[in-house]
């Protein structure tokens, strides 16, 4: 029987789910709230500055809590202010430019008396672009509103491909605060694109566009058309607890990839509680997800749910250690209310329910060293038996993943040259489950690493900003994966139930249809004006299978484009 990434699961869902979410919202809604904030959006250039400041400070009590992303603006503006008080005189010219840009892009958090220094010299009609970073910038009593256009257009040429490759995005983003009691954010774009051949194959195999949800075909073969709408509201229940309800992406980790929760896949509906007090940051995520589905016809897509905890503790001023746990579940007739408990060990609750659901646990760390280096890592445990680990027989249910990495800023004494290396490896059948519902996926895409399972990956990233508006980035990725064959599952396809395996032993990373992939990219970026980038990129990708049937595919892609107020779309898998 042919195995695919899309498996349907028929079920009915509680009609009271929306009522439940509304009830939770009203329960957490305070009578009087503290200062509200939005998050730095995905791919925001400010993340680079914050990362550099965190490593340079080494012991900052605010900046060091950076594992759960996106980052809250209010906390990080405080972290930047603390950094400037101590180390402001040591900033390079490039960092000074980035800092000024950061203030302009977070203008609502700049004290009112200091905003004039970021005003535009010639605003348009005295209304638009009063600050260089924002189309519309309103700050009056009890109301802040910032509106910006979103635009990206890229044309690409792939060797040995006659198709016209492109990305065309148009939309807007807005954020604001009301009476310092509630903040809001929305991002709306209409998109059409035709991607390189290996991405088109990925879309065909998974019935999904990387990072997106529902889509339609666009014009000739290979083109896709989709609408990307995200948004949330945020408020406080106490000085220390932020509550966010919305539809967007989240990320847990310090690396380029995450083995816990990644922003690679589609956005999802979530309720997030974030508690930051003393030396801890504790985050609860309750998420509604979509089953694997062919996405054909007008009908309701099956739902499933996730509950995730992450505790980050500052063990010392320079070392943070975190604990992670998650459970994925689907029910035919009700929501599992026991998983709403924000302080419970999910494995225990899952066992009380009969061990029917998919539970995961993990440990992570991050250490800043010598104000130049950061080392980090993750250990993710899906399922394992210590006695079988010792026997080393390749038992299928020893399911785990590990990540280790390091960052080096101002490398070799060269200002604003930042390097990063990372290694990820995930055993076969990790993230999968005994049915096609409770696997660790959403809308036909993995929720953690984009490769799924049964792989070992190495990443090298070099980013250099020689001048304030110029940036050069080189990225090299190589991975080995044991992929499933047409007749057997070797644990790489996490959408398949692990019951599809043909035996219980002999599974190691690379088992199966062994495939090697090498990826290298060069990006040259120039910031023409605030958040408006002109970019050239070159990508080379080679995919070879080392076991029969032997295949070899090469892709070389050159791209030129313009990007305004949005993240860069990259297909580095």
Protein backbone atom coordinates (compact mmCIF):
# COMPACT_ATOMS: atom_id res chain seq x y z
CA UNK A 1 0.00 0.00 0.00
CA UNK A 2 1.32 3.38 -0.97
CA UNK A 3 2.05 5.64 1.98
CA UNK A 4 1.51 9.40 1.75
CA UNK A 5 1.88 12.38 4.02
CA UNK A 6 -1.84 13.06 3.96
CA UNK A 7 -4.04 10.79 6.06
CA UNK A 8 -7.59 11.64 6.99
CA UNK A 9 -9.09 11.12 10.40
CA UNK A 10 -12.86 11.44 10.72
CA UNK A 11 -14.06 12.82 13.99
CA UNK A 12 -16.53 15.28 15.48
CA UNK A 13 -15.54 18.11 17.76
CA UNK A 14 -17.01 19.80 20.80
CA UNK A 15 -19.31 22.63 19.87
CA UNK A 16 -18.38 24.33 23.12
CA UNK A 17 -14.68 24.75 22.20
CA UNK A 18 -15.16 28.36 21.16
CA UNK A 19 -17.21 28.98 24.27
CA UNK A 20 -14.40 27.45 26.31
CA UNK A 21 -11.83 29.80 24.77
CA UNK A 22 -14.10 32.77 25.34
CA UNK A 23 -14.52 31.67 28.93
CA UNK A 24 -10.79 31.42 29.43
CA UNK A 25 -10.36 34.85 27.90
CA UNK A 26 -12.91 36.39 30.25
CA UNK A 27 -11.44 34.53 33.20
CA UNK A 28 -7.98 35.95 32.61
CA UNK A 29 -9.17 39.42 31.61
CA UNK A 30 -8.22 41.77 34.44
CA UNK A 31 -10.29 44.61 35.81
CA UNK A 32 -7.23 46.81 35.80
CA UNK A 33 -4.18 45.95 33.71
CA UNK A 34 -0.54 46.93 33.54
CA UNK A 35 1.43 48.24 30.56
CA UNK A 36 0.68 46.23 27.42
CA UNK A 37 2.99 45.16 24.63
CA UNK A 38 3.22 43.39 21.31
CA UNK A 39 5.92 41.02 20.07
CA UNK A 40 8.75 41.47 17.60
CA UNK A 41 7.43 39.78 14.44
CA UNK A 42 8.99 36.75 12.78
CA UNK A 43 12.28 37.59 11.05
CA UNK A 44 12.50 41.10 12.55
CA UNK A 45 16.00 42.57 12.12
CA UNK A 46 15.89 43.69 15.76
CA UNK A 47 16.44 40.08 16.84
CA UNK A 48 20.04 40.29 15.56
CA UNK A 49 20.79 43.33 17.72
CA UNK A 50 19.19 41.74 20.79
CA UNK A 51 21.16 38.54 20.31
CA UNK A 52 24.44 40.46 20.08
CA UNK A 53 23.62 42.56 23.15
CA UNK A 54 22.69 39.47 25.14
CA UNK A 55 26.01 37.77 24.40
CA UNK A 56 28.04 40.95 24.93
CA UNK A 57 26.38 41.69 28.27
CA UNK A 58 26.67 38.04 29.27
CA UNK A 59 24.74 38.44 32.50
CA UNK A 60 21.69 40.54 31.62
CA UNK A 61 18.67 39.49 33.66
CA UNK A 62 16.26 40.59 30.91
CA UNK A 63 17.97 39.75 27.64
CA UNK A 64 18.99 36.26 28.80
CA UNK A 65 15.34 35.12 28.72
CA UNK A 66 15.29 34.77 24.94
CA UNK A 67 14.41 31.11 24.37
CA UNK A 68 10.67 31.66 23.88
CA UNK A 69 10.02 33.65 20.71
CA UNK A 70 8.64 35.98 19.48
CA UNK A 71 10.06 38.38 22.06
CA UNK A 72 7.96 40.90 23.96
CA UNK A 73 8.89 44.47 23.06
CA UNK A 74 8.45 45.91 26.56
CA UNK A 75 10.96 43.54 28.17
CA UNK A 76 13.56 43.90 25.46
CA UNK A 77 13.36 47.69 25.38
CA UNK A 78 14.23 47.53 29.08
CA UNK A 79 17.06 45.12 28.32
CA UNK A 80 18.41 47.47 25.64
CA UNK A 81 18.21 50.42 28.06
CA UNK A 82 20.09 48.47 30.73
CA UNK A 83 22.75 47.50 28.19
CA UNK A 84 23.19 51.11 27.04
CA UNK A 85 23.66 52.29 30.63
CA UNK A 86 26.61 49.92 31.04
CA UNK A 87 28.13 49.40 27.59
CA UNK A 88 26.69 52.12 25.34
CA UNK A 89 30.08 53.73 24.73
CA UNK A 90 31.47 50.50 23.24
CA UNK A 91 28.98 50.19 20.36
CA UNK A 92 30.40 50.00 16.86
CA UNK A 93 29.05 52.36 14.17
CA UNK A 94 27.02 49.52 12.75
CA UNK A 95 25.52 48.68 16.15
CA UNK A 96 24.75 52.36 16.71
CA UNK A 97 22.82 52.40 13.43
CA UNK A 98 21.01 49.19 14.37
CA UNK A 99 20.17 50.60 17.80
CA UNK A 100 18.70 53.79 16.34
CA UNK A 101 16.71 51.66 13.92
CA UNK A 102 15.51 49.50 16.82
CA UNK A 103 14.20 52.57 18.66
CA UNK A 104 12.39 53.79 15.54
CA UNK A 105 10.76 50.39 15.06
CA UNK A 106 9.65 50.32 18.69
CA UNK A 107 8.76 54.00 18.91
CA UNK A 108 5.78 53.44 21.21
CA UNK A 109 8.25 52.30 23.89
CA UNK A 110 10.46 55.38 23.55
CA UNK A 111 9.56 57.95 26.24
CA UNK A 112 7.37 60.68 24.76
CA UNK A 113 9.93 63.37 25.57
CA UNK A 114 12.62 61.57 23.56
CA UNK A 115 10.67 60.77 20.39
CA UNK A 116 11.47 64.02 18.60
CA UNK A 117 15.03 62.84 17.89
CA UNK A 118 13.56 60.04 15.74
CA UNK A 119 11.19 62.25 13.74
CA UNK A 120 11.40 62.46 9.96
CA UNK A 121 12.71 65.71 8.50
CA UNK A 122 10.13 65.70 5.71
CA UNK A 123 6.99 63.71 6.53
CA UNK A 124 4.51 63.16 3.70
CA UNK A 125 1.53 65.54 4.00
CA UNK A 126 2.61 66.07 7.61
CA UNK A 127 0.81 62.80 8.40
CA UNK A 128 2.63 59.86 6.84
CA UNK A 129 6.14 58.78 7.79
CA UNK A 130 6.43 61.21 10.67
CA UNK A 131 9.07 58.68 11.75
CA UNK A 132 11.16 56.97 9.05
CA UNK A 133 10.11 53.44 10.06
CA UNK A 134 6.31 53.78 10.03
CA UNK A 135 3.73 54.79 7.44
CA UNK A 136 1.23 55.92 10.07
CA UNK A 137 2.35 56.62 13.62
CA UNK A 138 -0.30 57.79 16.10
CA UNK A 139 0.31 58.40 19.81
CA UNK A 140 -2.45 60.15 21.72
CA UNK A 141 -3.96 59.76 25.16
CA UNK A 142 -4.92 56.13 25.77
CA UNK A 143 -4.20 55.08 22.19
CA UNK A 144 -1.18 54.05 20.11
CA UNK A 145 -1.46 52.89 16.49
CA UNK A 146 1.28 51.99 14.01
CA UNK A 147 0.46 50.94 10.44
CA UNK A 148 2.88 49.80 7.74
CA UNK A 149 2.65 48.36 4.23
CA UNK A 150 4.00 44.88 3.56
CA UNK A 151 5.54 44.11 0.20
CA UNK A 152 7.94 41.57 -1.27
CA UNK A 153 8.68 40.82 -4.90
CA UNK A 154 11.38 38.40 -5.96
CA UNK A 155 12.25 37.02 -9.39
CA UNK A 156 14.41 33.92 -9.64
CA UNK A 157 16.10 31.80 -12.25
CA UNK A 158 16.82 28.13 -11.70
CA UNK A 159 19.29 26.33 -13.91
CA UNK A 160 17.67 23.71 -16.16
CA UNK A 161 14.20 24.98 -15.28
CA UNK A 162 12.26 26.96 -17.89
CA UNK A 163 9.58 28.08 -15.45
CA UNK A 164 9.34 31.69 -14.33
CA UNK A 165 10.03 31.65 -10.58
CA UNK A 166 8.74 34.48 -8.43
CA UNK A 167 7.29 35.61 -5.11
CA UNK A 168 4.72 38.40 -5.00
CA UNK A 169 3.41 39.57 -1.60
CA UNK A 170 1.24 42.58 -0.78
CA UNK A 171 -0.43 43.50 2.48
CA UNK A 172 -0.25 45.50 5.67
CA UNK A 173 0.65 45.18 9.32
CA UNK A 174 -0.66 47.17 12.26
CA UNK A 175 -0.17 47.16 15.99
CA UNK A 176 -1.33 49.28 18.87
CA UNK A 177 -2.35 49.75 22.50
CA UNK A 178 -5.57 50.88 24.11
CA UNK A 179 -5.40 52.70 27.45
CA UNK A 180 -2.33 50.66 28.41
CA UNK A 181 -4.72 47.79 29.12
CA UNK A 182 -4.71 45.82 25.90
CA UNK A 183 -2.42 45.57 22.89
CA UNK A 184 -3.17 44.16 19.46
CA UNK A 185 -1.36 43.13 16.30
CA UNK A 186 -2.34 41.93 12.85
CA UNK A 187 -0.48 40.92 9.70
CA UNK A 188 -2.40 40.43 6.44
CA UNK A 189 -0.88 39.51 3.08
CA UNK A 190 -1.99 38.14 -0.28
CA UNK A 191 0.67 35.96 -1.89
CA UNK A 192 1.44 34.25 -5.18
CA UNK A 193 4.63 32.34 -5.80
CA UNK A 194 6.31 29.72 -7.91
CA UNK A 195 9.24 28.18 -6.08
CA UNK A 196 12.32 26.20 -7.17
CA UNK A 197 11.76 22.62 -8.34
CA UNK A 198 12.76 20.95 -5.05
CA UNK A 199 10.26 23.15 -3.17
CA UNK A 200 7.55 22.34 -5.71
CA UNK A 201 8.23 18.66 -5.09
CA UNK A 202 7.96 19.26 -1.33
CA UNK A 203 4.59 20.98 -1.83
CA UNK A 204 3.38 18.11 -4.02
CA UNK A 205 4.49 15.40 -1.57
CA UNK A 206 3.00 17.04 1.52
CA UNK A 207 0.06 18.98 0.06
CA UNK A 208 1.37 22.04 1.90
CA UNK A 209 3.22 25.27 1.18
CA UNK A 210 6.18 25.71 3.58
CA UNK A 211 5.12 27.93 6.46
CA UNK A 212 1.58 28.47 5.20
CA UNK A 213 -1.87 26.90 5.37
CA UNK A 214 -4.70 26.71 2.85
CA UNK A 215 -3.61 27.44 -0.73
CA UNK A 216 -4.80 27.20 -4.33
CA UNK A 217 -2.94 26.54 -7.54
CA UNK A 218 -1.93 29.67 -9.42
CA UNK A 219 -1.81 29.85 -13.22
CA UNK A 220 0.65 27.36 -14.73
CA UNK A 221 1.98 24.25 -12.98
CA UNK A 222 3.95 24.86 -9.80
CA UNK A 223 2.37 28.18 -8.83
CA UNK A 224 0.50 28.66 -5.54
CA UNK A 225 -1.81 31.36 -4.23
CA UNK A 226 -2.49 31.82 -0.48
CA UNK A 227 -3.60 34.39 2.07
CA UNK A 228 -1.53 34.81 5.23
CA UNK A 229 -3.51 36.36 8.09
CA UNK A 230 -2.15 36.52 11.63
CA UNK A 231 -3.14 38.46 14.70
CA UNK A 232 -3.46 38.48 18.48
CA UNK A 233 -4.39 40.49 21.54
CA UNK A 234 -2.23 40.74 24.65
CA UNK A 235 -2.94 41.85 28.22
CA UNK A 236 -1.69 41.36 31.79
CA UNK A 237 -3.40 39.61 34.67
CA UNK A 238 -0.71 40.79 37.09
CA UNK A 239 2.53 42.71 36.80
CA UNK A 240 4.31 39.44 36.02
CA UNK A 241 1.88 37.48 33.83
CA UNK A 242 1.17 38.26 30.18
CA UNK A 243 -1.72 36.58 28.37
CA UNK A 244 -1.89 36.37 24.58
CA UNK A 245 -4.73 35.00 22.50
CA UNK A 246 -4.37 34.84 18.75
CA UNK A 247 -3.37 33.11 15.55
CA UNK A 248 0.37 33.19 14.81
CA UNK A 249 3.64 31.27 15.18
CA UNK A 250 5.81 30.49 18.22
CA UNK A 251 9.36 29.21 18.64
CA UNK A 252 11.17 27.64 21.59
CA UNK A 253 14.96 27.47 21.60
CA UNK A 254 18.22 29.34 21.06
CA UNK A 255 19.26 27.68 17.80
CA UNK A 256 18.64 28.14 14.12
CA UNK A 257 16.39 25.08 14.34
CA UNK A 258 14.27 23.90 17.23
CA UNK A 259 13.55 20.34 18.29
CA UNK A 260 10.77 21.57 20.65
CA UNK A 261 8.63 24.02 18.68
CA UNK A 262 9.51 25.81 15.45
CA UNK A 263 8.04 28.66 13.38
CA UNK A 264 8.71 26.71 10.19
CA UNK A 265 5.13 25.51 9.74
CA UNK A 266 1.74 27.17 9.49
CA UNK A 267 0.33 29.57 12.09
CA UNK A 268 -2.17 28.22 14.60
CA UNK A 269 -4.78 29.35 17.11
CA UNK A 270 -3.25 29.62 20.60
CA UNK A 271 -3.69 30.88 24.12
CA UNK A 272 -0.36 31.77 25.74
CA UNK A 273 0.39 32.54 29.39
CA UNK A 274 3.87 33.91 30.05
CA UNK A 275 5.03 34.39 33.64
CA UNK A 276 8.28 36.27 34.24
CA UNK A 277 9.32 36.78 37.85
CA UNK A 278 12.53 36.53 39.86
CA UNK A 279 14.90 34.23 37.94
CA UNK A 280 12.32 32.29 35.95
CA UNK A 281 10.28 32.62 32.79
CA UNK A 282 7.43 30.12 32.52
CA UNK A 283 5.34 29.80 29.38
CA UNK A 284 2.13 27.84 28.77
CA UNK A 285 0.82 27.30 25.25
CA UNK A 286 -2.57 25.81 24.47
CA UNK A 287 -2.95 25.29 20.73
CA UNK A 288 -5.58 24.19 18.23
CA UNK A 289 -4.00 22.34 15.29
CA UNK A 290 -5.08 20.79 12.00
CA UNK A 291 -4.75 17.09 11.16
CA UNK A 292 -2.86 15.87 8.13
CA UNK A 293 -5.33 16.37 5.30
CA UNK A 294 -5.39 16.41 1.47
CA UNK A 295 -6.90 19.92 1.58
CA UNK A 296 -9.32 19.30 -1.27
CA UNK A 297 -12.91 20.53 -1.45
CA UNK A 298 -14.92 22.79 0.83
CA UNK A 299 -15.23 20.95 4.12
CA UNK A 300 -14.13 21.09 7.73
CA UNK A 301 -10.52 20.09 8.33
CA UNK A 302 -10.12 17.78 11.34
CA UNK A 303 -8.74 19.34 14.51
CA UNK A 304 -6.40 18.22 17.24
CA UNK A 305 -4.85 20.02 20.20
CA UNK A 306 -1.55 20.62 21.94
CA UNK A 307 -0.60 21.79 25.41
CA UNK A 308 3.00 22.89 25.94
CA UNK A 309 4.98 24.07 28.98
CA UNK A 310 8.44 25.61 28.97
CA UNK A 311 10.24 26.67 32.16
CA UNK A 312 13.41 28.74 31.75
CA UNK A 313 15.49 29.35 34.88
CA UNK A 314 18.56 31.54 35.33
CA UNK A 315 20.69 29.07 37.29
CA UNK A 316 23.55 31.58 37.29
CA UNK A 317 23.82 35.04 35.74
CA UNK A 318 25.28 33.53 32.57
CA UNK A 319 23.61 30.08 32.43
CA UNK A 320 19.96 29.33 31.71
CA UNK A 321 18.49 25.85 31.90
CA UNK A 322 15.01 25.00 30.70
CA UNK A 323 12.46 22.20 31.00
CA UNK A 324 10.00 21.43 28.21
CA UNK A 325 6.95 19.19 27.98
CA UNK A 326 4.17 18.81 25.45
CA UNK A 327 1.19 16.60 24.74
CA UNK A 328 -0.67 16.24 21.42
CA UNK A 329 -4.16 14.78 21.45
CA UNK A 330 -7.36 14.44 19.47
CA UNK A 331 -10.82 13.58 20.82
CA UNK A 332 -13.99 12.54 19.02
CA UNK A 333 -16.42 14.06 21.50
CA UNK A 334 -14.65 16.38 23.97
CA UNK A 335 -11.65 18.50 24.87
CA UNK A 336 -9.29 17.04 27.47
CA UNK A 337 -9.72 19.60 30.24
CA UNK A 338 -7.02 18.07 32.42
CA UNK A 339 -4.38 19.42 30.03
CA UNK A 340 -5.48 23.00 30.77
CA UNK A 341 -3.77 22.77 34.15
CA UNK A 342 -0.82 25.19 33.78
CA UNK A 343 1.34 23.48 36.43
CA UNK A 344 1.20 19.73 35.95
CA UNK A 345 3.53 17.07 34.60
CA UNK A 346 1.80 16.13 31.33
CA UNK A 347 3.13 12.59 31.26
CA UNK A 348 1.39 11.90 34.56
CA UNK A 349 -1.90 13.36 33.30
CA UNK A 350 -1.54 11.44 30.04
CA UNK A 351 -1.00 8.16 31.92
CA UNK A 352 -4.15 8.79 33.95
CA UNK A 353 -6.00 8.96 30.63
CA UNK A 354 -4.66 5.57 29.58
CA UNK A 355 -1.42 6.62 27.83
CA UNK A 356 -3.37 7.21 24.64
CA UNK A 357 -1.87 10.59 23.68
CA UNK A 358 1.53 11.66 22.40
CA UNK A 359 3.64 13.23 25.14
CA UNK A 360 7.15 14.66 24.81
CA UNK A 361 9.64 16.08 27.29
CA UNK A 362 12.91 17.92 26.96
CA UNK A 363 15.80 19.77 28.52
CA UNK A 364 17.62 22.78 27.09
CA UNK A 365 20.45 25.09 28.11
CA UNK A 366 22.12 28.30 27.02
CA UNK A 367 25.36 29.79 28.35
CA UNK A 368 27.00 33.14 27.52
CA UNK A 369 30.79 32.99 27.80
CA UNK A 370 33.47 35.70 27.77
CA UNK A 371 31.06 38.23 26.20
CA UNK A 372 31.85 36.72 22.81
CA UNK A 373 30.39 33.23 22.80
CA UNK A 374 27.11 31.48 23.41
CA UNK A 375 26.72 27.71 23.58
CA UNK A 376 23.30 26.09 23.60
CA UNK A 377 21.54 22.79 23.20
CA UNK A 378 18.33 20.77 23.42
CA UNK A 379 17.55 17.21 24.38
CA UNK A 380 14.10 16.06 23.28
CA UNK A 381 12.66 12.78 24.53
CA UNK A 382 9.63 11.28 22.85
CA UNK A 383 9.95 7.73 24.17
CA UNK A 384 12.84 5.50 25.25
CA UNK A 385 13.81 2.56 27.41
CA UNK A 386 17.19 2.78 29.12
CA UNK A 387 17.80 -0.98 28.99
CA UNK A 388 17.34 -0.93 25.21
CA UNK A 389 19.64 2.08 24.88
CA UNK A 390 22.34 0.07 26.66
CA UNK A 391 21.76 -2.97 24.43
CA UNK A 392 22.18 -0.77 21.35
CA UNK A 393 19.93 -2.96 19.18
CA UNK A 394 18.28 -0.08 17.36
CA UNK A 395 14.94 -0.50 19.09
CA UNK A 396 12.31 1.50 17.21
CA UNK A 397 10.85 3.15 20.35
CA UNK A 398 14.10 4.76 21.46
CA UNK A 399 12.86 8.07 20.07
CA UNK A 400 14.87 11.16 20.88
CA UNK A 401 16.56 14.18 19.34
CA UNK A 402 19.58 16.25 20.32
CA UNK A 403 20.88 19.68 19.35
CA UNK A 404 24.20 21.35 20.18
CA UNK A 405 25.35 24.69 18.87
CA UNK A 406 27.55 27.74 19.40
CA UNK A 407 27.57 31.40 18.40
CA UNK A 408 30.65 33.63 18.13
CA UNK A 409 30.10 37.38 17.75
CA UNK A 410 32.68 39.88 16.46
CA UNK A 411 34.59 36.79 15.37
CA UNK A 412 38.40 37.01 15.24
CA UNK A 413 38.19 40.65 16.30
CA UNK A 414 36.20 41.67 13.21
CA UNK A 415 33.32 43.90 14.30
CA UNK A 416 29.84 42.69 13.34
CA UNK A 417 31.07 39.38 11.95
CA UNK A 418 28.94 36.73 13.65
CA UNK A 419 29.35 32.97 13.23
CA UNK A 420 27.13 30.09 14.25
CA UNK A 421 27.50 26.31 14.06
CA UNK A 422 24.83 23.79 14.95
CA UNK A 423 24.29 20.05 14.88
CA UNK A 424 20.90 18.35 15.04
CA UNK A 425 20.13 14.65 15.05
CA UNK A 426 16.79 12.93 15.53
CA UNK A 427 16.20 9.19 15.69
CA UNK A 428 13.67 7.30 13.53
CA UNK A 429 9.95 7.46 14.50
CA UNK A 430 10.49 10.46 16.80
CA UNK A 431 7.44 12.80 16.82
CA UNK A 432 5.25 10.08 15.25
CA UNK A 433 2.42 8.28 17.05
CA UNK A 434 0.34 5.12 16.85
CA UNK A 435 -2.36 6.89 14.85
CA UNK A 436 -2.35 9.57 12.17
CA UNK A 437 -3.74 12.28 14.47
CA UNK A 438 -1.52 12.71 17.54
CA UNK A 439 1.77 13.02 15.64
CA UNK A 440 3.73 16.24 16.25
CA UNK A 441 2.48 18.02 13.14
CA UNK A 442 0.13 20.78 12.04
CA UNK A 443 -1.47 21.36 8.63
CA UNK A 444 0.68 18.75 6.86
CA UNK A 445 3.94 20.16 8.26
CA UNK A 446 6.23 19.25 11.19
CA UNK A 447 5.90 21.39 14.30
CA UNK A 448 9.57 21.08 15.19
CA UNK A 449 12.39 20.38 12.72
CA UNK A 450 11.34 20.65 9.03
CA UNK A 451 13.04 17.33 8.19
CA UNK A 452 10.81 15.35 10.54
CA UNK A 453 12.91 12.47 11.89
CA UNK A 454 15.70 9.98 11.08
CA UNK A 455 18.37 12.53 10.17
CA UNK A 456 21.66 14.10 11.21
CA UNK A 457 22.23 17.72 10.18
CA UNK A 458 25.08 20.23 10.36
CA UNK A 459 24.60 23.98 9.91
CA UNK A 460 27.13 26.80 9.47
CA UNK A 461 26.02 30.42 9.34
CA UNK A 462 28.18 33.53 8.83
CA UNK A 463 26.65 37.02 8.96
CA UNK A 464 28.72 40.14 8.33
CA UNK A 465 27.56 43.75 8.42
CA UNK A 466 30.54 45.75 7.11
CA UNK A 467 28.57 49.01 6.84
CA UNK A 468 25.33 50.12 8.52
CA UNK A 469 23.06 49.40 5.55
CA UNK A 470 24.90 46.41 4.09
CA UNK A 471 24.70 42.79 5.17
CA UNK A 472 26.32 39.64 3.76
CA UNK A 473 25.21 36.19 4.87
CA UNK A 474 26.56 32.77 3.99
CA UNK A 475 24.74 29.62 5.05
CA UNK A 476 25.81 26.02 4.56
CA UNK A 477 23.72 23.00 5.54
CA UNK A 478 24.42 19.32 5.08
CA UNK A 479 22.28 16.46 6.29
CA UNK A 480 21.90 12.72 5.95
CA UNK A 481 18.44 11.20 6.23
CA UNK A 482 17.13 7.67 6.03
CA UNK A 483 13.91 8.11 4.08
CA UNK A 484 11.03 5.68 3.75
CA UNK A 485 10.85 3.44 0.70
CA UNK A 486 7.71 2.59 -1.25
CA UNK A 487 7.37 -0.67 0.67
CA UNK A 488 8.58 0.06 4.23
CA UNK A 489 8.63 2.79 6.86
CA UNK A 490 12.01 3.62 8.38
CA UNK A 491 10.71 6.39 10.61
CA UNK A 492 11.49 9.55 8.64
CA UNK A 493 7.88 10.33 7.71
CA UNK A 494 6.40 11.41 11.04
CA UNK A 495 2.89 11.57 9.55
CA UNK A 496 2.78 7.77 9.27
CA UNK A 497 1.77 5.77 12.37
CA UNK A 498 4.76 3.97 13.83
CA UNK A 499 2.77 0.74 13.48
CA UNK A 500 3.78 0.81 9.79
CA UNK A 501 7.27 -0.41 10.73
CA UNK A 502 8.22 -3.87 9.49
CA UNK A 503 10.34 -4.88 12.50
CA UNK A 504 11.15 -3.74 16.05
CA UNK A 505 14.95 -3.54 15.87
CA UNK A 506 17.74 -2.36 13.62
CA UNK A 507 16.74 1.29 13.32
CA UNK A 508 19.51 3.87 13.41
CA UNK A 509 19.86 7.37 12.02
CA UNK A 510 20.24 6.92 8.27
CA UNK A 511 18.46 3.55 8.13
CA UNK A 512 16.32 3.23 5.04
CA UNK A 513 16.69 5.00 1.71
CA UNK A 514 19.84 6.90 2.65
CA UNK A 515 19.82 10.41 1.19
CA UNK A 516 22.48 13.13 1.44
CA UNK A 517 21.59 16.79 0.88
CA UNK A 518 24.02 19.72 0.64
CA UNK A 519 22.72 23.29 0.65
CA UNK A 520 24.67 26.54 0.41
CA UNK A 521 23.39 30.09 0.02
CA UNK A 522 24.79 33.59 -0.32
CA UNK A 523 22.72 36.66 0.52
CA UNK A 524 23.69 40.26 -0.20
CA UNK A 525 21.27 42.76 1.36
CA UNK A 526 21.11 46.57 1.24
CA UNK A 527 18.66 48.55 3.40
CA UNK A 528 17.57 51.29 1.01
CA UNK A 529 15.45 52.91 3.71
CA UNK A 530 14.05 51.74 7.04
CA UNK A 531 12.84 48.13 6.63
CA UNK A 532 13.05 48.35 2.81
CA UNK A 533 15.68 45.91 1.53
CA UNK A 534 17.06 45.26 -1.92
CA UNK A 535 18.49 41.72 -1.94
CA UNK A 536 20.42 39.37 -4.18
CA UNK A 537 20.79 35.69 -3.34
CA UNK A 538 22.34 32.58 -4.82
CA UNK A 539 21.46 29.05 -3.72
CA UNK A 540 23.08 25.75 -4.61
CA UNK A 541 21.49 22.47 -3.57
CA UNK A 542 22.49 18.87 -4.29
CA UNK A 543 20.52 15.78 -3.30
CA UNK A 544 21.93 12.28 -3.73
CA UNK A 545 20.68 8.88 -2.63
CA UNK A 546 23.34 6.46 -1.45
CA UNK A 547 21.23 3.30 -1.51
CA UNK A 548 19.26 1.91 -4.45
CA UNK A 549 17.50 3.32 -6.34
CA UNK A 550 20.40 5.75 -6.87
CA UNK A 551 19.33 9.28 -7.82
CA UNK A 552 21.00 12.68 -8.05
CA UNK A 553 19.40 16.14 -8.29
CA UNK A 554 21.06 19.53 -8.48
CA UNK A 555 19.55 23.00 -8.18
CA UNK A 556 21.19 26.38 -8.73
CA UNK A 557 18.98 29.41 -8.16
CA UNK A 558 19.75 33.12 -8.55
CA UNK A 559 17.27 35.64 -7.13
CA UNK A 560 16.83 39.40 -7.05
CA UNK A 561 14.13 41.12 -5.07
CA UNK A 562 12.80 43.83 -2.83
CA UNK A 563 11.40 43.26 0.67
CA UNK A 564 9.52 45.73 2.85
CA UNK A 565 8.35 45.21 6.44
CA UNK A 566 8.26 41.41 6.35
CA UNK A 567 10.39 38.35 6.92
CA UNK A 568 12.50 36.69 4.24
CA UNK A 569 11.10 33.45 2.83
CA UNK A 570 13.80 30.78 2.70
CA UNK A 571 13.60 27.11 1.77
CA UNK A 572 16.70 25.69 3.47
CA UNK A 573 15.74 22.03 3.76
